[in-house]
Amino acid sequence: MSSSTMIIGDTRDVMATMPDGSVDLVLTSPPFLALRSYLPAGHPDKHKEIGSEPTPAEFLDTLLALTAEWGRLIAPHGSIAVELGDTYAGSGGSGGDYNEGGLKEGQAKW
């Protein structure tokens, strides 16, 4: 029988307590840059919030630093899966809220 453990907390704090090679699967969907905030203003961990970096380069630096730490944690047989998207479910693709031609009202055509 196999088991799983879900650990909830700030990813950097939690990963720092975990031993090398102790994770079979890293499955994550980090927040997209400047799209939404999950912590209210004034929250003591606001400065840690992924996606709140001031520039795209700093956002990528954050993701690369996290990836390096995942690499430390992942077991030799393990996997890392990262889903990076910029919409909520139903607001893209088959969400059904698009106008004729596939664009939302007011959306720029690229």
N, C-alpha and C. Protein backbone atom coordinates (compact mmCIF):
# COMPACT_ATOMS: atom_id res chain seq x y z
N MET A 1 0.85 -1.16 0.00
CA MET A 1 0.00 0.00 0.00
C MET A 1 0.90 1.24 0.00
N SER A 2 0.52 2.23 -0.74
CA SER A 2 1.28 3.48 -0.77
C SER A 2 0.53 4.54 0.03
N SER A 3 1.24 5.58 0.35
CA SER A 3 0.62 6.67 1.10
C SER A 3 1.10 8.00 0.55
N SER A 4 0.43 9.03 0.94
CA SER A 4 0.84 10.37 0.53
C SER A 4 0.70 11.30 1.73
N THR A 5 1.44 12.38 1.66
CA THR A 5 1.40 13.38 2.70
C THR A 5 1.26 14.75 2.05
N MET A 6 0.32 15.53 2.51
CA MET A 6 0.16 16.89 2.03
C MET A 6 0.68 17.82 3.12
N ILE A 7 1.59 18.69 2.74
CA ILE A 7 2.17 19.63 3.70
C ILE A 7 1.74 21.02 3.28
N ILE A 8 1.18 21.77 4.20
CA ILE A 8 0.69 23.11 3.90
C ILE A 8 1.54 24.13 4.65
N GLY A 9 1.99 25.14 3.94
CA GLY A 9 2.80 26.19 4.54
C GLY A 9 3.52 26.95 3.45
N ASP A 10 4.30 27.93 3.84
CA ASP A 10 5.09 28.66 2.85
C ASP A 10 6.11 27.70 2.26
N THR A 11 6.15 27.63 0.95
CA THR A 11 6.98 26.62 0.28
C THR A 11 8.44 26.71 0.66
N ARG A 12 8.97 27.92 0.79
CA ARG A 12 10.39 28.05 1.14
C ARG A 12 10.65 27.56 2.57
N ASP A 13 9.79 27.91 3.48
CA ASP A 13 9.95 27.48 4.88
C ASP A 13 9.84 25.97 5.01
N VAL A 14 8.85 25.39 4.34
CA VAL A 14 8.61 23.96 4.44
C VAL A 14 9.76 23.18 3.79
N MET A 15 10.17 23.58 2.60
CA MET A 15 11.23 22.84 1.91
C MET A 15 12.54 22.87 2.69
N ALA A 16 12.81 23.95 3.40
CA ALA A 16 14.05 24.07 4.17
C ALA A 16 14.15 23.02 5.27
N THR A 17 13.01 22.46 5.69
CA THR A 17 13.00 21.46 6.77
C THR A 17 13.06 20.03 6.24
N MET A 18 13.04 19.86 4.92
CA MET A 18 12.93 18.53 4.35
C MET A 18 14.30 18.01 3.90
N PRO A 19 14.55 16.71 4.07
CA PRO A 19 15.84 16.14 3.68
C PRO A 19 15.95 15.94 2.16
N ASP A 20 17.18 15.93 1.67
CA ASP A 20 17.47 15.67 0.26
C ASP A 20 16.84 14.35 -0.17
N GLY A 21 16.32 14.31 -1.39
CA GLY A 21 15.81 13.08 -1.97
C GLY A 21 14.60 12.48 -1.27
N SER A 22 13.85 13.29 -0.53
CA SER A 22 12.74 12.76 0.27
C SER A 22 11.37 12.88 -0.38
N VAL A 23 11.31 13.39 -1.61
CA VAL A 23 10.02 13.66 -2.26
C VAL A 23 9.92 12.85 -3.55
N ASP A 24 8.80 12.16 -3.72
CA ASP A 24 8.56 11.40 -4.95
C ASP A 24 7.97 12.27 -6.06
N LEU A 25 7.15 13.24 -5.68
CA LEU A 25 6.49 14.07 -6.68
C LEU A 25 6.33 15.50 -6.17
N VAL A 26 6.79 16.43 -6.97
CA VAL A 26 6.49 17.84 -6.75
C VAL A 26 5.46 18.19 -7.81
N LEU A 27 4.29 18.61 -7.38
CA LEU A 27 3.20 18.99 -8.27
C LEU A 27 2.75 20.37 -7.84
N THR A 28 2.93 21.35 -8.70
CA THR A 28 2.66 22.72 -8.28
C THR A 28 2.08 23.55 -9.41
N SER A 29 1.35 24.56 -9.02
CA SER A 29 0.81 25.56 -9.94
C SER A 29 1.05 26.92 -9.29
N PRO A 30 2.27 27.45 -9.44
CA PRO A 30 2.57 28.71 -8.78
C PRO A 30 1.76 29.86 -9.35
N PRO A 31 1.52 30.88 -8.54
CA PRO A 31 0.78 32.04 -9.04
C PRO A 31 1.51 32.70 -10.20
N PHE A 32 0.77 33.20 -11.15
CA PHE A 32 1.34 33.88 -12.31
C PHE A 32 1.73 35.29 -11.90
N LEU A 33 2.72 35.84 -12.54
CA LEU A 33 3.24 37.17 -12.21
C LEU A 33 2.16 38.25 -12.29
N ALA A 34 1.97 38.97 -11.20
CA ALA A 34 1.12 40.17 -11.12
C ALA A 34 -0.34 39.93 -11.51
N LEU A 35 -0.79 38.68 -11.42
CA LEU A 35 -2.17 38.41 -11.82
C LEU A 35 -3.14 38.47 -10.66
N ARG A 36 -2.75 37.93 -9.51
CA ARG A 36 -3.64 37.96 -8.36
C ARG A 36 -2.81 37.83 -7.09
N SER A 37 -3.40 38.24 -6.00
CA SER A 37 -2.74 38.14 -4.70
C SER A 37 -3.64 37.32 -3.79
N TYR A 38 -3.02 36.42 -3.04
CA TYR A 38 -3.78 35.57 -2.14
C TYR A 38 -3.73 36.05 -0.70
N LEU A 39 -2.81 36.97 -0.42
CA LEU A 39 -2.67 37.48 0.95
C LEU A 39 -3.14 38.93 1.01
N PRO A 40 -3.83 39.29 2.07
CA PRO A 40 -4.29 40.68 2.20
C PRO A 40 -3.12 41.63 2.47
N ALA A 41 -3.29 42.89 2.12
CA ALA A 41 -2.27 43.90 2.41
C ALA A 41 -1.99 43.88 3.91
N GLY A 42 -0.74 44.03 4.28
CA GLY A 42 -0.38 44.04 5.69
C GLY A 42 -0.11 42.67 6.28
N HIS A 43 -0.35 41.59 5.52
CA HIS A 43 -0.07 40.25 6.02
C HIS A 43 1.43 40.12 6.25
N PRO A 44 1.87 39.50 7.35
CA PRO A 44 3.30 39.43 7.65
C PRO A 44 4.13 38.66 6.61
N ASP A 45 3.50 37.80 5.83
CA ASP A 45 4.21 37.05 4.80
C ASP A 45 4.03 37.62 3.40
N LYS A 46 3.45 38.80 3.28
CA LYS A 46 3.16 39.40 1.98
C LYS A 46 4.42 39.47 1.10
N HIS A 47 5.55 39.77 1.69
CA HIS A 47 6.80 39.90 0.94
C HIS A 47 7.27 38.57 0.34
N LYS A 48 6.75 37.46 0.84
CA LYS A 48 7.13 36.14 0.34
C LYS A 48 6.26 35.69 -0.83
N GLU A 49 5.21 36.40 -1.10
CA GLU A 49 4.19 35.93 -2.06
C GLU A 49 4.77 35.80 -3.47
N ILE A 50 4.74 34.60 -3.98
CA ILE A 50 5.20 34.34 -5.34
C ILE A 50 4.22 35.00 -6.31
N GLY A 51 4.76 35.68 -7.31
CA GLY A 51 3.95 36.40 -8.27
C GLY A 51 3.88 37.89 -7.99
N SER A 52 4.38 38.31 -6.83
CA SER A 52 4.35 39.73 -6.48
C SER A 52 5.70 40.41 -6.76
N GLU A 53 6.60 39.70 -7.41
CA GLU A 53 7.89 40.28 -7.74
C GLU A 53 7.71 41.50 -8.64
N PRO A 54 8.57 42.51 -8.50
CA PRO A 54 8.38 43.76 -9.25
C PRO A 54 8.68 43.66 -10.75
N THR A 55 9.43 42.65 -11.18
CA THR A 55 9.77 42.53 -12.61
C THR A 55 9.63 41.08 -13.06
N PRO A 56 9.44 40.86 -14.37
CA PRO A 56 9.42 39.48 -14.87
C PRO A 56 10.72 38.74 -14.58
N ALA A 57 11.85 39.42 -14.65
CA ALA A 57 13.14 38.77 -14.38
C ALA A 57 13.20 38.26 -12.94
N GLU A 58 12.71 39.04 -12.00
CA GLU A 58 12.72 38.62 -10.60
C GLU A 58 11.74 37.46 -10.37
N PHE A 59 10.62 37.47 -11.09
CA PHE A 59 9.68 36.35 -11.03
C PHE A 59 10.36 35.07 -11.51
N LEU A 60 11.06 35.15 -12.64
CA LEU A 60 11.78 33.98 -13.15
C LEU A 60 12.87 33.54 -12.19
N ASP A 61 13.57 34.50 -11.57
CA ASP A 61 14.58 34.14 -10.56
C ASP A 61 13.94 33.35 -9.42
N THR A 62 12.76 33.76 -9.00
CA THR A 62 12.05 33.04 -7.93
C THR A 62 11.73 31.62 -8.37
N LEU A 63 11.19 31.46 -9.59
CA LEU A 63 10.84 30.12 -10.07
C LEU A 63 12.08 29.25 -10.23
N LEU A 64 13.19 29.84 -10.68
CA LEU A 64 14.42 29.06 -10.83
C LEU A 64 14.99 28.64 -9.47
N ALA A 65 14.90 29.52 -8.49
CA ALA A 65 15.36 29.17 -7.15
C ALA A 65 14.51 28.04 -6.56
N LEU A 66 13.20 28.12 -6.78
CA LEU A 66 12.31 27.04 -6.31
C LEU A 66 12.64 25.74 -7.03
N THR A 67 12.89 25.80 -8.33
CA THR A 67 13.22 24.60 -9.10
C THR A 67 14.49 23.95 -8.58
N ALA A 68 15.48 24.76 -8.24
CA ALA A 68 16.72 24.21 -7.68
C ALA A 68 16.44 23.47 -6.37
N GLU A 69 15.59 24.03 -5.55
CA GLU A 69 15.25 23.39 -4.28
C GLU A 69 14.44 22.12 -4.51
N TRP A 70 13.53 22.13 -5.48
CA TRP A 70 12.80 20.91 -5.82
C TRP A 70 13.78 19.83 -6.28
N GLY A 71 14.78 20.23 -7.04
CA GLY A 71 15.79 19.28 -7.50
C GLY A 71 16.54 18.64 -6.34
N ARG A 72 16.78 19.39 -5.29
CA ARG A 72 17.42 18.86 -4.09
C ARG A 72 16.52 17.84 -3.39
N LEU A 73 15.24 18.15 -3.36
CA LEU A 73 14.28 17.32 -2.61
C LEU A 73 13.86 16.06 -3.35
N ILE A 74 13.87 16.09 -4.67
CA ILE A 74 13.27 15.01 -5.44
C ILE A 74 14.11 13.73 -5.35
N ALA A 75 13.44 12.61 -5.15
CA ALA A 75 14.10 11.30 -5.10
C ALA A 75 14.60 10.95 -6.50
N PRO A 76 15.60 10.06 -6.62
CA PRO A 76 16.12 9.70 -7.94
C PRO A 76 15.05 9.19 -8.90
N HIS A 77 14.01 8.57 -8.40
CA HIS A 77 12.92 8.05 -9.24
C HIS A 77 11.76 9.04 -9.34
N GLY A 78 11.89 10.23 -8.76
CA GLY A 78 10.78 11.17 -8.65
C GLY A 78 10.55 12.01 -9.89
N SER A 79 9.51 12.83 -9.83
CA SER A 79 9.13 13.71 -10.93
C SER A 79 8.75 15.09 -10.41
N ILE A 80 8.93 16.08 -11.28
CA ILE A 80 8.51 17.45 -10.99
C ILE A 80 7.54 17.86 -12.08
N ALA A 81 6.36 18.33 -11.70
CA ALA A 81 5.37 18.81 -12.66
C ALA A 81 4.95 20.22 -12.25
N VAL A 82 5.13 21.16 -13.17
CA VAL A 82 4.79 22.55 -12.91
C VAL A 82 3.76 22.99 -13.94
N GLU A 83 2.62 23.44 -13.48
CA GLU A 83 1.59 24.01 -14.36
C GLU A 83 1.63 25.51 -14.13
N LEU A 84 1.87 26.23 -15.21
CA LEU A 84 1.94 27.68 -15.10
C LEU A 84 0.93 28.28 -16.07
N GLY A 85 -0.15 28.85 -15.53
CA GLY A 85 -1.18 29.42 -16.36
C GLY A 85 -1.64 30.74 -15.78
N ASP A 86 -2.35 31.51 -16.58
CA ASP A 86 -2.73 32.85 -16.13
C ASP A 86 -4.23 33.08 -16.08
N THR A 87 -5.02 32.02 -16.00
CA THR A 87 -6.47 32.20 -15.92
C THR A 87 -7.08 31.23 -14.92
N TYR A 88 -8.24 31.61 -14.40
CA TYR A 88 -9.03 30.69 -13.58
C TYR A 88 -9.75 29.72 -14.50
N ALA A 89 -10.16 28.59 -13.96
CA ALA A 89 -10.94 27.63 -14.74
C ALA A 89 -12.20 28.32 -15.25
N GLY A 90 -12.50 28.09 -16.51
CA GLY A 90 -13.71 28.66 -17.09
C GLY A 90 -13.51 30.02 -17.69
N SER A 91 -12.33 30.62 -17.54
CA SER A 91 -12.13 31.94 -18.14
C SER A 91 -11.26 31.86 -19.37
N GLY A 92 -11.03 30.70 -19.85
CA GLY A 92 -10.25 30.53 -21.06
C GLY A 92 -10.60 29.22 -21.72
N GLY A 93 -10.20 29.10 -22.97
CA GLY A 93 -10.44 27.85 -23.69
C GLY A 93 -11.91 27.54 -23.80
N SER A 94 -12.33 26.47 -23.18
CA SER A 94 -13.71 26.01 -23.32
C SER A 94 -14.63 26.61 -22.26
N GLY A 95 -14.24 27.73 -21.69
CA GLY A 95 -15.05 28.34 -20.64
C GLY A 95 -16.39 28.85 -21.09
N GLY A 96 -16.54 29.08 -22.39
CA GLY A 96 -17.83 29.46 -22.93
C GLY A 96 -18.19 30.92 -22.73
N ASP A 97 -17.28 31.76 -22.23
CA ASP A 97 -17.62 33.16 -22.00
C ASP A 97 -16.96 34.09 -23.02
N TYR A 98 -16.67 33.55 -24.19
CA TYR A 98 -16.06 34.34 -25.25
C TYR A 98 -17.09 34.74 -26.29
N ASN A 99 -16.86 35.86 -26.95
CA ASN A 99 -17.73 36.34 -28.02
C ASN A 99 -17.37 35.65 -29.33
N GLU A 100 -18.12 35.95 -30.36
CA GLU A 100 -17.84 35.47 -31.70
C GLU A 100 -16.40 35.83 -32.06
N GLY A 101 -15.65 34.89 -32.61
CA GLY A 101 -14.26 35.14 -32.96
C GLY A 101 -13.29 34.77 -31.85
N GLY A 102 -13.79 34.33 -30.71
CA GLY A 102 -12.93 33.83 -29.65
C GLY A 102 -12.37 34.86 -28.70
N LEU A 103 -12.82 36.10 -28.75
CA LEU A 103 -12.30 37.13 -27.85
C LEU A 103 -13.35 37.54 -26.83
N LYS A 104 -12.89 37.94 -25.67
CA LYS A 104 -13.77 38.51 -24.66
C LYS A 104 -14.04 39.96 -24.99
N GLU A 105 -15.12 40.49 -24.46
CA GLU A 105 -15.46 41.90 -24.65
C GLU A 105 -14.30 42.78 -24.18
N GLY A 106 -13.79 43.63 -25.09
CA GLY A 106 -12.71 44.54 -24.76
C GLY A 106 -11.31 43.95 -24.84
N GLN A 107 -11.21 42.64 -25.13
CA GLN A 107 -9.89 42.00 -25.22
C GLN A 107 -9.19 42.41 -26.50
N ALA A 108 -7.92 42.78 -26.36
CA ALA A 108 -7.14 43.17 -27.54
C ALA A 108 -6.89 41.95 -28.43
N LYS A 109 -6.88 42.18 -29.74
CA LYS A 109 -6.59 41.13 -30.69
C LYS A 109 -5.10 41.23 -31.05
N TRP A 110 -4.34 40.16 -30.80
CA TRP A 110 -2.90 40.20 -31.04
C TRP A 110 -2.58 39.75 -32.43
